[in-house]
Protein backbone atom coordinates (compact mmCIF):
# COMPACT_ATOMS: atom_id res chain seq x y z
CA UNK A 1 0.00 0.00 0.00
CA UNK A 2 1.42 3.34 -1.02
CA UNK A 3 0.95 6.49 1.01
CA UNK A 4 -1.98 8.81 0.67
CA UNK A 5 -1.51 12.07 -1.22
CA UNK A 6 -3.42 14.45 1.06
CA UNK A 7 -3.62 17.35 -1.40
CA UNK A 8 -5.03 15.22 -4.22
CA UNK A 9 -7.45 13.52 -1.82
CA UNK A 10 -8.70 16.88 -0.55
CA UNK A 11 -9.24 18.16 -4.08
CA UNK A 12 -11.05 14.97 -5.13
CA UNK A 13 -13.10 14.94 -1.93
CA UNK A 14 -14.04 18.58 -2.40
CA UNK A 15 -15.25 17.94 -5.94
CA UNK A 16 -17.39 15.02 -4.79
CA UNK A 17 -18.79 17.04 -1.90
CA UNK A 18 -19.78 19.93 -4.21
CA UNK A 19 -21.47 17.51 -6.63
CA UNK A 20 -23.32 15.86 -3.74
CA UNK A 21 -24.55 19.16 -2.32
CA UNK A 22 -25.67 20.30 -5.78
CA UNK A 23 -27.62 17.06 -6.30
CA UNK A 24 -29.19 17.31 -2.83
CA UNK A 25 -30.21 20.96 -3.23
CA UNK A 26 -31.36 20.53 -6.84
CA UNK A 27 -33.66 17.68 -5.85
CA UNK A 28 -35.59 20.11 -3.64
CA UNK A 29 -36.33 22.23 -6.72
CA UNK A 30 -38.24 19.40 -8.42
CA UNK A 31 -40.59 17.84 -5.84
CA UNK A 32 -41.71 14.38 -6.91
CA UNK A 33 -42.23 12.71 -3.54
CA UNK A 34 -44.32 14.10 -0.66
CA UNK A 35 -41.27 14.04 1.64
CA UNK A 36 -38.73 16.41 0.09
CA UNK A 37 -35.92 15.35 2.45
CA UNK A 38 -36.42 11.67 1.67
CA UNK A 39 -36.41 12.49 -2.04
CA UNK A 40 -33.19 14.51 -1.63
CA UNK A 41 -31.53 11.62 0.21
CA UNK A 42 -32.53 9.21 -2.56
CA UNK A 43 -31.19 11.57 -5.21
CA UNK A 44 -27.96 11.99 -3.25
CA UNK A 45 -27.53 8.22 -2.83
CA UNK A 46 -27.85 7.75 -6.60
CA UNK A 47 -25.73 10.81 -7.50
CA UNK A 48 -23.01 9.70 -5.08
CA UNK A 49 -22.12 6.72 -7.28
CA UNK A 50 -20.92 8.67 -10.34
CA UNK A 51 -19.63 11.54 -8.18
CA UNK A 52 -17.41 9.32 -6.02
CA UNK A 53 -16.30 7.40 -9.10
CA UNK A 54 -15.25 10.72 -10.63
CA UNK A 55 -13.44 11.69 -7.42
CA UNK A 56 -11.54 8.40 -7.38
CA UNK A 57 -10.71 8.77 -11.07
CA UNK A 58 -9.33 12.28 -10.50
CA UNK A 59 -7.17 11.00 -7.64
CA UNK A 60 -5.86 7.87 -9.36
CA UNK A 61 -5.20 9.49 -12.75
CA UNK A 62 -2.10 11.07 -11.23
CA UNK A 63 -0.64 7.59 -10.77
CA UNK A 64 -1.24 7.27 -7.03
CA UNK A 65 -1.38 3.69 -5.74
CA UNK A 66 -3.28 4.32 -2.49
CA UNK A 67 -5.50 1.55 -1.12
CA UNK A 68 -9.09 2.28 -2.16
CA UNK A 69 -10.51 1.80 1.32
CA UNK A 70 -8.01 4.28 2.72
CA UNK A 71 -8.78 6.77 -0.05
CA UNK A 72 -12.52 6.28 0.40
CA UNK A 73 -12.21 6.91 4.13
CA UNK A 74 -10.14 10.05 3.49
CA UNK A 75 -12.63 11.36 0.93
CA UNK A 76 -15.43 10.73 3.43
CA UNK A 77 -13.48 12.61 6.12
CA UNK A 78 -13.14 15.54 3.69
CA UNK A 79 -16.91 15.46 3.12
CA UNK A 80 -17.53 15.20 6.86
CA UNK A 81 -15.33 18.24 7.43
CA UNK A 82 -17.12 20.29 4.76
CA UNK A 83 -20.47 19.19 6.18
CA UNK A 84 -19.35 20.39 9.62
CA UNK A 85 -18.11 23.74 8.34
CA UNK A 86 -20.64 24.52 5.59
CA UNK A 87 -23.60 22.15 5.23
CA UNK A 88 -24.80 22.11 8.83
CA UNK A 89 -24.42 25.83 9.60
CA UNK A 90 -25.84 27.08 6.30
CA UNK A 91 -28.33 24.40 5.22
CA UNK A 92 -29.37 22.47 8.33
CA UNK A 93 -29.42 24.85 11.32
CA UNK A 94 -31.46 27.59 9.56
CA UNK A 95 -34.23 25.02 9.02
CA UNK A 96 -34.31 23.81 12.62
CA UNK A 97 -31.73 21.03 12.50
CA UNK A 98 -28.66 20.60 14.65
CA UNK A 99 -25.21 19.08 14.39
CA UNK A 100 -26.44 16.17 16.49
CA UNK A 101 -29.50 15.54 14.31
CA UNK A 102 -27.37 15.68 11.14
CA UNK A 103 -24.50 13.47 12.29
CA UNK A 104 -26.64 10.99 14.22
CA UNK A 105 -28.84 10.29 11.20
CA UNK A 106 -28.40 6.69 10.07
CA UNK A 107 -28.81 7.80 6.46
CA UNK A 108 -25.69 9.97 6.74
CA UNK A 109 -23.60 6.99 7.82
CA UNK A 110 -25.14 4.74 5.16
CA UNK A 111 -24.12 7.32 2.56
CA UNK A 112 -20.62 7.25 4.07
CA UNK A 113 -20.47 3.47 3.68
CA UNK A 114 -21.70 3.80 0.10
CA UNK A 115 -19.08 6.48 -0.59
CA UNK A 116 -16.19 4.42 0.77
CA UNK A 117 -17.44 1.28 -0.98
CA UNK A 118 -17.71 2.94 -4.40
CA UNK A 119 -14.17 4.35 -4.13
CA UNK A 120 -12.84 0.97 -3.00
CA UNK A 121 -14.67 -0.78 -5.87
CA UNK A 122 -13.20 1.72 -8.34
CA UNK A 123 -9.72 0.97 -6.98
CA UNK A 124 -10.27 -2.79 -7.30
CA UNK A 125 -11.57 -2.49 -10.85
CA UNK A 126 -8.69 -0.23 -11.87
CA UNK A 127 -6.19 -2.72 -10.42
CA UNK A 128 -7.74 -5.60 -12.40
CA UNK A 129 -7.93 -3.61 -15.64
CA UNK A 130 -4.36 -2.33 -15.40
CA UNK A 131 -2.86 -5.82 -15.29
């Protein structure tokens, strides 16, 4: 396992986070389901697959050999940090939520598992295809 390139991981994680926030917010503009938050979470869970694949691609295209689980965890930590600094104060608290309600939501952690898993799967597929 090669070391993690922090700068590249932060850039990739930031791109994925921006795409995720855009998908979440955009889903509120087109109400299809009666529960707008549930709809936004569904949209985010679907949008997270191509977004995290893109983030992994951006990271690995520089030739880094980092373990996919480690990279996925780092990208999730970047997202968690941005959520703490931006999402919760600007999008959650003004609508009556709290840090505790946001970070204790099971859906948040399921999205984290999905995020890490997609990055790890990308890494595995890239390793097989590069042989």
